[in-house]
PDB file of N, CA and C in Angstrom:
ATOM      1  N   MET A   1     184.052  87.621  72.059  1.00  0.00           N
ATOM      2  CA  MET A   1     183.590  87.106  70.812  1.00  0.00           C
ATOM      3  C   MET A   1     182.505  86.063  71.079  1.00  0.00           C
ATOM      4  N   GLN A   2     181.547  86.011  70.205  1.00  0.00           N
ATOM      5  CA  GLN A   2     180.455  85.047  70.350  1.00  0.00           C
ATOM      6  C   GLN A   2     180.979  83.637  70.061  1.00  0.00           C
ATOM      7  N   PRO A   3     180.621  82.661  70.885  1.00  0.00           N
ATOM      8  CA  PRO A   3     181.038  81.282  70.602  1.00  0.00           C
ATOM      9  C   PRO A   3     180.602  80.872  69.193  1.00  0.00           C
ATOM     10  N   GLY A   4     181.474  80.131  68.529  1.00  0.00           N
ATOM     11  CA  GLY A   4     181.184  79.676  67.172  1.00  0.00           C
ATOM     12  C   GLY A   4     181.700  80.610  66.100  1.00  0.00           C
ATOM     13  N   THR A   5     182.251  81.759  66.508  1.00  0.00           N
ATOM     14  CA  THR A   5     182.833  82.670  65.533  1.00  0.00           C
ATOM     15  C   THR A   5     184.292  82.916  65.912  1.00  0.00           C
ATOM     16  N   PRO A   6     185.157  83.212  64.978  1.00  0.00           N
ATOM     17  CA  PRO A   6     184.853  83.439  63.569  1.00  0.00           C
ATOM     18  C   PRO A   6     184.455  82.137  62.856  1.00  0.00           C
ATOM     19  N   LEU A   7     183.593  82.311  61.908  1.00  0.00           N
ATOM     20  CA  LEU A   7     183.068  81.203  61.122  1.00  0.00           C
ATOM     21  C   LEU A   7     183.314  81.517  59.650  1.00  0.00           C
ATOM     22  N   LEU A   8     184.027  80.640  58.964  1.00  0.00           N
ATOM     23  CA  LEU A   8     184.238  80.802  57.527  1.00  0.00           C
ATOM     24  C   LEU A   8     183.138  80.060  56.790  1.00  0.00           C
ATOM     25  N   ARG A   9     182.493  80.773  55.869  1.00  0.00           N
ATOM     26  CA  ARG A   9     181.415  80.159  55.103  1.00  0.00           C
ATOM     27  C   ARG A   9     181.326  80.795  53.733  1.00  0.00           C
ATOM     28  N   GLU A  10     180.456  80.265  52.909  1.00  0.00           N
ATOM     29  CA  GLU A  10     180.253  80.803  51.571  1.00  0.00           C
ATOM     30  C   GLU A  10     179.500  82.128  51.657  1.00  0.00           C
ATOM     31  N   ASN A  11     179.894  83.062  50.819  1.00  0.00           N
ATOM     32  CA  ASN A  11     179.235  84.356  50.729  1.00  0.00           C
ATOM     33  C   ASN A  11     177.750  84.153  50.433  1.00  0.00           C
ATOM     34  N   PHE A  12     176.888  84.585  51.355  1.00  0.00           N
ATOM     35  CA  PHE A  12     175.442  84.424  51.154  1.00  0.00           C
ATOM     36  C   PHE A  12     174.720  85.759  51.057  1.00  0.00           C
ATOM     37  N   VAL A  13     175.406  86.862  51.296  1.00  0.00           N
ATOM     38  CA  VAL A  13     174.767  88.175  51.245  1.00  0.00           C
ATOM     39  C   VAL A  13     175.019  88.858  49.909  1.00  0.00           C
ATOM     40  N   ASN A  14     176.263  88.865  49.464  1.00  0.00           N
ATOM     41  CA  ASN A  14     176.621  89.508  48.200  1.00  0.00           C
ATOM     42  C   ASN A  14     176.511  88.507  47.063  1.00  0.00           C
ATOM     43  N   THR A  15     175.306  88.057  46.797  1.00  0.00           N
ATOM     44  CA  THR A  15     175.105  86.993  45.818  1.00  0.00           C
ATOM     45  C   THR A  15     175.480  87.417  44.403  1.00  0.00           C
ATOM     46  N   ALA A  16     175.397  88.702  44.079  1.00  0.00           N
ATOM     47  CA  ALA A  16     175.795  89.158  42.750  1.00  0.00           C
ATOM     48  C   ALA A  16     177.294  88.971  42.552  1.00  0.00           C
ATOM     49  N   ALA A  17     178.069  89.123  43.612  1.00  0.00           N
ATOM     50  CA  ALA A  17     179.520  88.951  43.527  1.00  0.00           C
ATOM     51  C   ALA A  17     179.908  87.477  43.578  1.00  0.00           C
ATOM     52  N   GLY A  18     179.128  86.692  44.295  1.00  0.00           N
ATOM     53  CA  GLY A  18     179.405  85.259  44.398  1.00  0.00           C
ATOM     54  C   GLY A  18     180.814  84.968  44.849  1.00  0.00           C
ATOM     55  N   CYS A  19     181.547  84.244  44.010  1.00  0.00           N
ATOM     56  CA  CYS A  19     182.915  83.873  44.344  1.00  0.00           C
ATOM     57  C   CYS A  19     183.908  84.992  44.017  1.00  0.00           C
ATOM     58  N   ASN A  20     183.478  86.020  43.326  1.00  0.00           N
ATOM     59  CA  ASN A  20     184.346  87.149  42.987  1.00  0.00           C
ATOM     60  C   ASN A  20     184.354  88.171  44.123  1.00  0.00           C
ATOM     61  N   TRP A  21     184.522  87.665  45.330  1.00  0.00           N
ATOM     62  CA  TRP A  21     184.430  88.513  46.528  1.00  0.00           C
ATOM     63  C   TRP A  21     185.013  87.765  47.709  1.00  0.00           C
ATOM     64  N   GLN A  22     185.592  88.513  48.642  1.00  0.00           N
ATOM     65  CA  GLN A  22     185.993  87.969  49.936  1.00  0.00           C
ATOM     66  C   GLN A  22     185.805  89.075  50.955  1.00  0.00           C
ATOM     67  N   GLY A  23     185.233  88.738  52.097  1.00  0.00           N
ATOM     68  CA  GLY A  23     184.989  89.771  53.089  1.00  0.00           C
ATOM     69  C   GLY A  23     184.801  89.215  54.487  1.00  0.00           C
ATOM     70  N   VAL A  24     184.646  90.157  55.392  1.00  0.00           N
ATOM     71  CA  VAL A  24     184.415  89.838  56.795  1.00  0.00           C
ATOM     72  C   VAL A  24     183.202  90.638  57.244  1.00  0.00           C
ATOM     73  N   ALA A  25     182.377  90.036  58.094  1.00  0.00           N
ATOM     74  CA  ALA A  25     181.142  90.680  58.528  1.00  0.00           C
ATOM     75  C   ALA A  25     180.724  90.108  59.870  1.00  0.00           C
ATOM     76  N   GLY A  26     179.722  90.707  60.449  1.00  0.00           N
ATOM     77  CA  GLY A  26     179.184  90.204  61.708  1.00  0.00           C
ATOM     78  C   GLY A  26     178.294  91.220  62.357  1.00  0.00           C
ATOM     79  N   GLN A  27     178.226  91.156  63.682  1.00  0.00           N
ATOM     80  CA  GLN A  27     177.439  92.108  64.445  1.00  0.00           C
ATOM     81  C   GLN A  27     178.005  92.204  65.855  1.00  0.00           C
ATOM     82  N   ALA A  28     177.537  93.187  66.593  1.00  0.00           N
ATOM     83  CA  ALA A  28     177.934  93.369  67.991  1.00  0.00           C
ATOM     84  C   ALA A  28     176.669  93.466  68.828  1.00  0.00           C
ATOM     85  N   VAL A  29     176.648  92.730  69.937  1.00  0.00           N
ATOM     86  CA  VAL A  29     175.463  92.709  70.794  1.00  0.00           C
ATOM     87  C   VAL A  29     175.861  92.872  72.260  1.00  0.00           C
ATOM     88  N   SER A  30     174.901  93.303  73.046  1.00  0.00           N
ATOM     89  CA  SER A  30     175.091  93.414  74.492  1.00  0.00           C
ATOM     90  C   SER A  30     175.004  92.015  75.109  1.00  0.00           C
ATOM     91  N   PRO A  31     175.310  91.875  76.392  1.00  0.00           N
ATOM     92  CA  PRO A  31     175.176  90.562  77.035  1.00  0.00           C
ATOM     93  C   PRO A  31     173.748  90.007  76.954  1.00  0.00           C
ATOM     94  N   ARG A  32     172.762  90.896  76.801  1.00  0.00           N
ATOM     95  CA  ARG A  32     171.362  90.449  76.688  1.00  0.00           C
ATOM     96  C   ARG A  32     170.923  90.263  75.238  1.00  0.00           C
ATOM     97  N   GLY A  33     171.873  90.381  74.300  1.00  0.00           N
ATOM     98  CA  GLY A  33     171.567  90.161  72.894  1.00  0.00           C
ATOM     99  C   GLY A  33     171.036  91.383  72.167  1.00  0.00           C
ATOM    100  N   GLU A  34     171.060  92.548  72.814  1.00  0.00           N
ATOM    101  CA  GLU A  34     170.586  93.770  72.165  1.00  0.00           C
ATOM    102  C   GLU A  34     171.663  94.316  71.239  1.00  0.00           C
ATOM    103  N   PRO A  35     171.284  94.930  70.111  1.00  0.00           N
ATOM    104  CA  PRO A  35     172.284  95.453  69.179  1.00  0.00           C
ATOM    105  C   PRO A  35     173.115  96.578  69.800  1.00  0.00           C
ATOM    106  N   VAL A  36     174.402  96.559  69.530  1.00  0.00           N
ATOM    107  CA  VAL A  36     175.311  97.639  69.916  1.00  0.00           C
ATOM    108  C   VAL A  36     175.695  98.330  68.613  1.00  0.00           C
ATOM    109  N   ILE A  37     175.191  99.535  68.411  1.00  0.00           N
ATOM    110  CA  ILE A  37     175.341 100.246  67.142  1.00  0.00           C
ATOM    111  C   ILE A  37     176.291 101.430  67.297  1.00  0.00           C
ATOM    112  N   GLY A  38     177.060 101.684  66.241  1.00  0.00           N
ATOM    113  CA  GLY A  38     177.926 102.853  66.199  1.00  0.00           C
ATOM    114  C   GLY A  38     179.342 102.632  66.692  1.00  0.00           C
ATOM    115  N   VAL A  39     179.734 101.389  66.910  1.00  0.00           N
ATOM    116  CA  VAL A  39     181.103 101.072  67.331  1.00  0.00           C
ATOM    117  C   VAL A  39     181.930 100.848  66.063  1.00  0.00           C
ATOM    118  N   GLU A  40     183.156 101.347  66.052  1.00  0.00           N
ATOM    119  CA  GLU A  40     184.020 101.198  64.887  1.00  0.00           C
ATOM    120  C   GLU A  40     184.607  99.787  64.830  1.00  0.00           C
ATOM    121  N   VAL A  41     184.570  99.196  63.633  1.00  0.00           N
ATOM    122  CA  VAL A  41     185.184  97.899  63.369  1.00  0.00           C
ATOM    123  C   VAL A  41     186.366  98.162  62.450  1.00  0.00           C
ATOM    124  N   ARG A  42     187.566  97.765  62.881  1.00  0.00           N
ATOM    125  CA  ARG A  42     188.768  97.936  62.070  1.00  0.00           C
ATOM    126  C   ARG A  42     189.300  96.579  61.641  1.00  0.00           C
ATOM    127  N   VAL A  43     189.683  96.514  60.361  1.00  0.00           N
ATOM    128  CA  VAL A  43     190.257  95.299  59.800  1.00  0.00           C
ATOM    129  C   VAL A  43     191.579  95.658  59.136  1.00  0.00           C
ATOM    130  N   ALA A  44     192.608  94.880  59.414  1.00  0.00           N
ATOM    131  CA  ALA A  44     193.914  95.033  58.781  1.00  0.00           C
ATOM    132  C   ALA A  44     194.386  93.658  58.354  1.00  0.00           C
ATOM    133  N   GLY A  45     195.340  93.625  57.412  1.00  0.00           N
ATOM    134  CA  GLY A  45     195.844  92.346  56.949  1.00  0.00           C
ATOM    135  C   GLY A  45     197.256  92.458  56.432  1.00  0.00           C
ATOM    136  N   ASP A  46     197.836  91.298  56.116  1.00  0.00           N
ATOM    137  CA  ASP A  46     199.215  91.253  55.652  1.00  0.00           C
ATOM    138  C   ASP A  46     199.435  92.150  54.441  1.00  0.00           C
ATOM    139  N   ASP A  47     198.604  92.015  53.431  1.00  0.00           N
ATOM    140  CA  ASP A  47     198.717  92.831  52.213  1.00  0.00           C
ATOM    141  C   ASP A  47     197.485  93.702  52.026  1.00  0.00           C
ATOM    142  N   PHE A  48     196.869  94.075  53.113  1.00  0.00           N
ATOM    143  CA  PHE A  48     195.640  94.874  53.094  1.00  0.00           C
ATOM    144  C   PHE A  48     195.901  96.125  53.923  1.00  0.00           C
ATOM    145  N   PRO A  49     195.724  97.297  53.336  1.00  0.00           N
ATOM    146  CA  PRO A  49     196.089  98.527  54.042  1.00  0.00           C
ATOM    147  C   PRO A  49     195.245  98.841  55.272  1.00  0.00           C
ATOM    148  N   GLY A  50     194.131  98.196  55.396  1.00  0.00           N
ATOM    149  CA  GLY A  50     193.241  98.455  56.528  1.00  0.00           C
ATOM    150  C   GLY A  50     192.007  99.205  56.092  1.00  0.00           C
ATOM    151  N   ALA A  51     190.928  98.952  56.784  1.00  0.00           N
ATOM    152  CA  ALA A  51     189.655  99.606  56.496  1.00  0.00           C
ATOM    153  C   ALA A  51     188.813  99.565  57.760  1.00  0.00           C
ATOM    154  N   SER A  52     187.788 100.395  57.790  1.00  0.00           N
ATOM    155  CA  SER A  52     186.894 100.392  58.948  1.00  0.00           C
ATOM    156  C   SER A  52     185.468 100.677  58.518  1.00  0.00           C
ATOM    157  N   THR A  53     184.567 100.289  59.388  1.00  0.00           N
ATOM    158  CA  THR A  53     183.143 100.558  59.238  1.00  0.00           C
ATOM    159  C   THR A  53     182.582 100.653  60.646  1.00  0.00           C
ATOM    160  N   THR A  54     181.291 100.811  60.764  1.00  0.00           N
ATOM    161  CA  THR A  54     180.677 100.853  62.093  1.00  0.00           C
ATOM    162  C   THR A  54     179.594  99.786  62.203  1.00  0.00           C
ATOM    163  N   THR A  55     179.385  99.330  63.432  1.00  0.00           N
ATOM    164  CA  THR A  55     178.311  98.379  63.665  1.00  0.00           C
ATOM    165  C   THR A  55     176.988  99.080  63.366  1.00  0.00           C
ATOM    166  N   GLY A  56     176.093  98.367  62.715  1.00  0.00           N
ATOM    167  CA  GLY A  56     174.818  98.920  62.299  1.00  0.00           C
ATOM    168  C   GLY A  56     174.819  99.399  60.857  1.00  0.00           C
ATOM    169  N   ALA A  57     175.989  99.357  60.194  1.00  0.00           N
ATOM    170  CA  ALA A  57     176.103  99.859  58.821  1.00  0.00           C
ATOM    171  C   ALA A  57     175.554  98.888  57.777  1.00  0.00           C
ATOM    172  N   ASN A  58     175.425  97.599  58.108  1.00  0.00           N
ATOM    173  CA  ASN A  58     174.902  96.623  57.159  1.00  0.00           C
ATOM    174  C   ASN A  58     173.977  95.661  57.901  1.00  0.00           C
ATOM    175  N   THR A  59     172.699  95.964  57.869  1.00  0.00           N
ATOM    176  CA  THR A  59     171.728  95.192  58.647  1.00  0.00           C
ATOM    177  C   THR A  59     171.387  93.831  58.042  1.00  0.00           C
ATOM    178  N   ALA A  60     172.028  93.462  56.934  1.00  0.00           N
ATOM    179  CA  ALA A  60     171.833  92.119  56.385  1.00  0.00           C
ATOM    180  C   ALA A  60     172.338  91.059  57.362  1.00  0.00           C
ATOM    181  N   TYR A  61     173.203  91.467  58.301  1.00  0.00           N
ATOM    182  CA  TYR A  61     173.756  90.547  59.286  1.00  0.00           C
ATOM    183  C   TYR A  61     173.091  90.702  60.653  1.00  0.00           C
ATOM    184  N   GLY A  62     172.083  91.536  60.750  1.00  0.00           N
ATOM    185  CA  GLY A  62     171.391  91.808  62.003  1.00  0.00           C
ATOM    186  C   GLY A  62     171.345  93.318  62.229  1.00  0.00           C
ATOM    187  N   PRO A  63     170.584  93.782  63.232  1.00  0.00           N
ATOM    188  CA  PRO A  63     170.426  95.228  63.464  1.00  0.00           C
ATOM    189  C   PRO A  63     171.757  95.953  63.695  1.00  0.00           C
ATOM    190  N   SER A  64     172.748  95.263  64.259  1.00  0.00           N
ATOM    191  CA  SER A  64     174.052  95.886  64.488  1.00  0.00           C
ATOM    192  C   SER A  64     175.092  95.327  63.509  1.00  0.00           C
ATOM    193  N   GLY A  65     174.621  94.879  62.362  1.00  0.00           N
ATOM    194  CA  GLY A  65     175.496  94.239  61.381  1.00  0.00           C
ATOM    195  C   GLY A  65     176.492  95.180  60.735  1.00  0.00           C
ATOM    196  N   TRP A  66     177.575  94.598  60.278  1.00  0.00           N
ATOM    197  CA  TRP A  66     178.632  95.328  59.582  1.00  0.00           C
ATOM    198  C   TRP A  66     179.276  94.387  58.569  1.00  0.00           C
ATOM    199  N   GLU A  67     179.954  94.974  57.575  1.00  0.00           N
ATOM    200  CA  GLU A  67     180.626  94.177  56.549  1.00  0.00           C
ATOM    201  C   GLU A  67     181.744  95.004  55.928  1.00  0.00           C
ATOM    202  N   LEU A  68     182.845  94.346  55.627  1.00  0.00           N
ATOM    203  CA  LEU A  68     183.939  94.969  54.879  1.00  0.00           C
ATOM    204  C   LEU A  68     184.392  94.027  53.776  1.00  0.00           C
ATOM    205  N   THR A  69     184.504  94.548  52.564  1.00  0.00           N
ATOM    206  CA  THR A  69     185.044  93.788  51.447  1.00  0.00           C
ATOM    207  C   THR A  69     186.563  93.800  51.548  1.00  0.00           C
ATOM    208  N   LEU A  70     187.170  92.625  51.404  1.00  0.00           N
ATOM    209  CA  LEU A  70     188.620  92.503  51.524  1.00  0.00           C
ATOM    210  C   LEU A  70     189.307  92.251  50.192  1.00  0.00           C
ATOM    211  N   SER A  71     188.614  91.603  49.267  1.00  0.00           N
ATOM    212  CA  SER A  71     189.225  91.239  47.995  1.00  0.00           C
ATOM    213  C   SER A  71     188.133  90.955  46.966  1.00  0.00           C
ATOM    214  N   ASP A  72     188.540  90.957  45.692  1.00  0.00           N
ATOM    215  CA  ASP A  72     187.598  90.619  44.621  1.00  0.00           C
ATOM    216  C   ASP A  72     187.701  89.152  44.216  1.00  0.00           C
ATOM    217  N   ARG A  73     188.358  88.364  45.088  1.00  0.00           N
ATOM    218  CA  ARG A  73     188.477  86.923  44.862  1.00  0.00           C
ATOM    219  C   ARG A  73     188.891  86.256  46.168  1.00  0.00           C
ATOM    220  N   PRO A  74     188.631  84.969  46.323  1.00  0.00           N
ATOM    221  CA  PRO A  74     189.085  84.267  47.526  1.00  0.00           C
ATOM    222  C   PRO A  74     190.617  84.181  47.554  1.00  0.00           C
ATOM    223  N   THR A  75     191.186  84.422  48.710  1.00  0.00           N
ATOM    224  CA  THR A  75     192.633  84.322  48.902  1.00  0.00           C
ATOM    225  C   THR A  75     192.894  83.524  50.179  1.00  0.00           C
ATOM    226  N   GLY A  76     194.124  83.209  50.421  1.00  0.00           N
ATOM    227  CA  GLY A  76     194.520  82.545  51.661  1.00  0.00           C
ATOM    228  C   GLY A  76     195.116  83.532  52.645  1.00  0.00           C
ATOM    229  N   ASP A  77     194.734  84.796  52.531  1.00  0.00           N
ATOM    230  CA  ASP A  77     195.320  85.858  53.349  1.00  0.00           C
ATOM    231  C   ASP A  77     194.854  85.811  54.800  1.00  0.00           C
ATOM    232  N   ARG A  78     195.632  86.509  55.643  1.00  0.00           N
ATOM    233  CA  ARG A  78     195.385  86.592  57.086  1.00  0.00           C
ATOM    234  C   ARG A  78     194.977  88.034  57.418  1.00  0.00           C
ATOM    235  N   TYR A  79     193.978  88.171  58.296  1.00  0.00           N
ATOM    236  CA  TYR A  79     193.465  89.486  58.696  1.00  0.00           C
ATOM    237  C   TYR A  79     193.263  89.534  60.207  1.00  0.00           C
ATOM    238  N   GLN A  80     193.254  90.749  60.717  1.00  0.00           N
ATOM    239  CA  GLN A  80     192.957  90.989  62.125  1.00  0.00           C
ATOM    240  C   GLN A  80     191.756  91.935  62.204  1.00  0.00           C
ATOM    241  N   VAL A  81     190.816  91.620  63.096  1.00  0.00           N
ATOM    242  CA  VAL A  81     189.595  92.393  63.281  1.00  0.00           C
ATOM    243  C   VAL A  81     189.485  92.784  64.746  1.00  0.00           C
ATOM    244  N   ALA A  82     189.100  94.034  65.008  1.00  0.00           N
ATOM    245  CA  ALA A  82     188.907  94.486  66.390  1.00  0.00           C
ATOM    246  C   ALA A  82     187.904  95.632  66.417  1.00  0.00           C
ATOM    247  N   LEU A  83     187.271  95.828  67.568  1.00  0.00           N
ATOM    248  CA  LEU A  83     186.356  96.940  67.794  1.00  0.00           C
ATOM    249  C   LEU A  83     187.111  98.085  68.463  1.00  0.00           C
ATOM    250  N   TRP A  84     186.741  99.313  68.071  1.00  0.00           N
ATOM    251  CA  TRP A  84     187.370 100.518  68.609  1.00  0.00           C
ATOM    252  C   TRP A  84     186.299 101.527  68.996  1.00  0.00           C
ATOM    253  N   SER A  85     186.583 102.309  70.036  1.00  0.00           N
ATOM    254  CA  SER A  85     185.698 103.392  70.459  1.00  0.00           C
ATOM    255  C   SER A  85     186.562 104.528  71.009  1.00  0.00           C
ATOM    256  N   ASP A  86     186.315 105.727  70.569  1.00  0.00           N
ATOM    257  CA  ASP A  86     187.060 106.911  71.023  1.00  0.00           C
ATOM    258  C   ASP A  86     188.569 106.716  70.920  1.00  0.00           C
ATOM    259  N   GLY A  87     189.023 106.094  69.817  1.00  0.00           N
ATOM    260  CA  GLY A  87     190.448 105.929  69.583  1.00  0.00           C
ATOM    261  C   GLY A  87     191.119 104.828  70.371  1.00  0.00           C
ATOM    262  N   GLN A  88     190.340 104.028  71.093  1.00  0.00           N
ATOM    263  CA  GLN A  88     190.909 102.939  71.885  1.00  0.00           C
ATOM    264  C   GLN A  88     190.302 101.609  71.472  1.00  0.00           C
ATOM    265  N   GLN A  89     191.149 100.592  71.419  1.00  0.00           N
ATOM    266  CA  GLN A  89     190.665  99.256  71.101  1.00  0.00           C
ATOM    267  C   GLN A  89     189.880  98.727  72.294  1.00  0.00           C
ATOM    268  N   ILE A  90     188.661  98.241  72.043  1.00  0.00           N
ATOM    269  CA  ILE A  90     187.793  97.785  73.134  1.00  0.00           C
ATOM    270  C   ILE A  90     187.478  96.293  73.072  1.00  0.00           C
ATOM    271  N   SER A  91     188.096  95.595  72.136  1.00  0.00           N
ATOM    272  CA  SER A  91     187.887  94.145  72.042  1.00  0.00           C
ATOM    273  C   SER A  91     189.230  93.473  71.826  1.00  0.00           C
ATOM    274  N   PRO A  92     189.286  92.184  72.089  1.00  0.00           N
ATOM    275  CA  PRO A  92     190.485  91.449  71.685  1.00  0.00           C
ATOM    276  C   PRO A  92     190.586  91.470  70.157  1.00  0.00           C
ATOM    277  N   THR A  93     191.795  91.331  69.652  1.00  0.00           N
ATOM    278  CA  THR A  93     191.997  91.209  68.209  1.00  0.00           C
ATOM    279  C   THR A  93     191.669  89.780  67.803  1.00  0.00           C
ATOM    280  N   VAL A  94     190.850  89.652  66.775  1.00  0.00           N
ATOM    281  CA  VAL A  94     190.459  88.348  66.245  1.00  0.00           C
ATOM    282  C   VAL A  94     191.227  88.131  64.948  1.00  0.00           C
ATOM    283  N   GLU A  95     191.931  87.018  64.848  1.00  0.00           N
ATOM    284  CA  GLU A  95     192.672  86.719  63.625  1.00  0.00           C
ATOM    285  C   GLU A  95     191.867  85.758  62.763  1.00  0.00           C
ATOM    286  N   ILE A  96     191.846  86.057  61.471  1.00  0.00           N
ATOM    287  CA  ILE A  96     191.136  85.229  60.502  1.00  0.00           C
ATOM    288  C   ILE A  96     192.117  84.834  59.417  1.00  0.00           C
ATOM    289  N   VAL A  97     192.136  83.556  59.077  1.00  0.00           N
ATOM    290  CA  VAL A  97     192.950  83.071  57.971  1.00  0.00           C
ATOM    291  C   VAL A  97     191.996  82.393  56.986  1.00  0.00           C
ATOM    292  N   PHE A  98     191.877  82.983  55.811  1.00  0.00           N
ATOM    293  CA  PHE A  98     190.987  82.434  54.795  1.00  0.00           C
ATOM    294  C   PHE A  98     191.639  81.227  54.113  1.00  0.00           C
ATOM    295  N   SER A  99     190.808  80.374  53.547  1.00  0.00           N
ATOM    296  CA  SER A  99     191.285  79.148  52.905  1.00  0.00           C
ATOM    297  C   SER A  99     191.569  79.327  51.420  1.00  0.00           C
ATOM    298  N   GLY A 100     191.073  80.414  50.826  1.00  0.00           N
ATOM    299  CA  GLY A 100     191.247  80.620  49.394  1.00  0.00           C
ATOM    300  C   GLY A 100     190.180  79.948  48.556  1.00  0.00           C
ATOM    301  N   SER A 101     189.112  79.476  49.183  1.00  0.00           N
ATOM    302  CA  SER A 101     188.056  78.779  48.437  1.00  0.00           C
ATOM    303  C   SER A 101     186.764  79.604  48.419  1.00  0.00           C
ATOM    304  N   CYS A 102     185.961  79.366  47.407  1.00  0.00           N
ATOM    305  CA  CYS A 102     184.656  80.031  47.294  1.00  0.00           C
ATOM    306  C   CYS A 102     183.716  79.620  48.419  1.00  0.00           C
ATOM    307  N   GLN A 103     183.907  78.434  48.965  1.00  0.00           N
ATOM    308  CA  GLN A 103     183.037  77.948  50.026  1.00  0.00           C
ATOM    309  C   GLN A 103     183.373  78.580  51.379  1.00  0.00           C
ATOM    310  N   GLN A 104     184.474  79.328  51.449  1.00  0.00           N
ATOM    311  CA  GLN A 104     184.871  79.984  52.695  1.00  0.00           C
ATOM    312  C   GLN A 104     185.391  81.390  52.413  1.00  0.00           C
ATOM    313  N   ASN A 105     184.623  82.168  51.648  1.00  0.00           N
ATOM    314  CA  ASN A 105     185.067  83.522  51.305  1.00  0.00           C
ATOM    315  C   ASN A 105     184.408  84.607  52.156  1.00  0.00           C
ATOM    316  N   LEU A 106     183.647  84.216  53.156  1.00  0.00           N
ATOM    317  CA  LEU A 106     183.044  85.158  54.103  1.00  0.00           C
ATOM    318  C   LEU A 106     183.382  84.695  55.518  1.00  0.00           C
ATOM    319  N   ALA A 107     183.991  85.591  56.288  1.00  0.00           N
ATOM    320  CA  ALA A 107     184.269  85.293  57.697  1.00  0.00           C
ATOM    321  C   ALA A 107     183.256  86.053  58.542  1.00  0.00           C
ATOM    322  N   ILE A 108     182.499  85.337  59.350  1.00  0.00           N
ATOM    323  CA  ILE A 108     181.543  85.944  60.270  1.00  0.00           C
ATOM    324  C   ILE A 108     182.221  86.093  61.627  1.00  0.00           C
ATOM    325  N   VAL A 109     182.245  87.326  62.142  1.00  0.00           N
ATOM    326  CA  VAL A 109     182.813  87.609  63.459  1.00  0.00           C
ATOM    327  C   VAL A 109     181.768  88.395  64.244  1.00  0.00           C
ATOM    328  N   ASN A 110     181.206  87.771  65.269  1.00  0.00           N
ATOM    329  CA  ASN A 110     180.209  88.429  66.122  1.00  0.00           C
ATOM    330  C   ASN A 110     180.841  88.738  67.469  1.00  0.00           C
ATOM    331  N   PHE A 111     180.664  89.979  67.903  1.00  0.00           N
ATOM    332  CA  PHE A 111     181.201  90.420  69.188  1.00  0.00           C
ATOM    333  C   PHE A 111     180.086  90.546  70.201  1.00  0.00           C
ATOM    334  N   VAL A 112     180.384  90.145  71.457  1.00  0.00           N
ATOM    335  CA  VAL A 112     179.448  90.301  72.570  1.00  0.00           C
ATOM    336  C   VAL A 112     180.112  91.216  73.602  1.00  0.00           C
ATOM    337  N   GLN A 113     179.436  92.296  73.918  1.00  0.00           N
ATOM    338  CA  GLN A 113     179.962  93.261  74.885  1.00  0.00           C
ATOM    339  C   GLN A 113     180.056  92.624  76.274  1.00  0.00           C
ATOM    340  N   THR A 114     181.209  92.776  76.923  1.00  0.00           N
ATOM    341  CA  THR A 114     181.381  92.240  78.275  1.00  0.00           C
ATOM    342  C   THR A 114     181.679  93.329  79.295  1.00  0.00           C
ATOM    343  N   LEU A 115     182.132  94.499  78.819  1.00  0.00           N
ATOM    344  CA  LEU A 115     182.448  95.627  79.701  1.00  0.00           C
ATOM    345  C   LEU A 115     181.834  96.888  79.143  1.00  0.00           C
ATOM    346  N   PRO A 116     181.498  97.858  80.006  1.00  0.00           N
ATOM    347  CA  PRO A 116     181.019  99.145  79.484  1.00  0.00           C
ATOM    348  C   PRO A 116     182.164  99.852  78.762  1.00  0.00           C
ATOM    349  N   PHE A 117     181.809 100.696  77.794  1.00  0.00           N
ATOM    350  CA  PHE A 117     182.829 101.491  77.119  1.00  0.00           C
ATOM    351  C   PHE A 117     182.361 102.906  76.929  1.00  0.00           C
TER     352      PHE A 117
END
């Protein structure tokens, strides 16, 4: 994981949704900072059935950006985020606990590749 993440902050990408939204987003990069595209990002939570997307699906966060909507309002829920490739988890699981506030309804999680996959 990139130092400084996960970072909870105010939603700055989905401005139309504003506080009526909660999500997790980020990007994946190589050790040299190059985008790593096409890796599956899986998110699960206590009362969240789970969802996935791929790196590169939302370039608002960078060339390898990704985003998943978790709720239509800020909650204090807990989630787990991890990268997957070919049916195998390739990153540590990152746990995120939201505060339930509009000022922290977006969790940024950036991954840095350390091993080939």
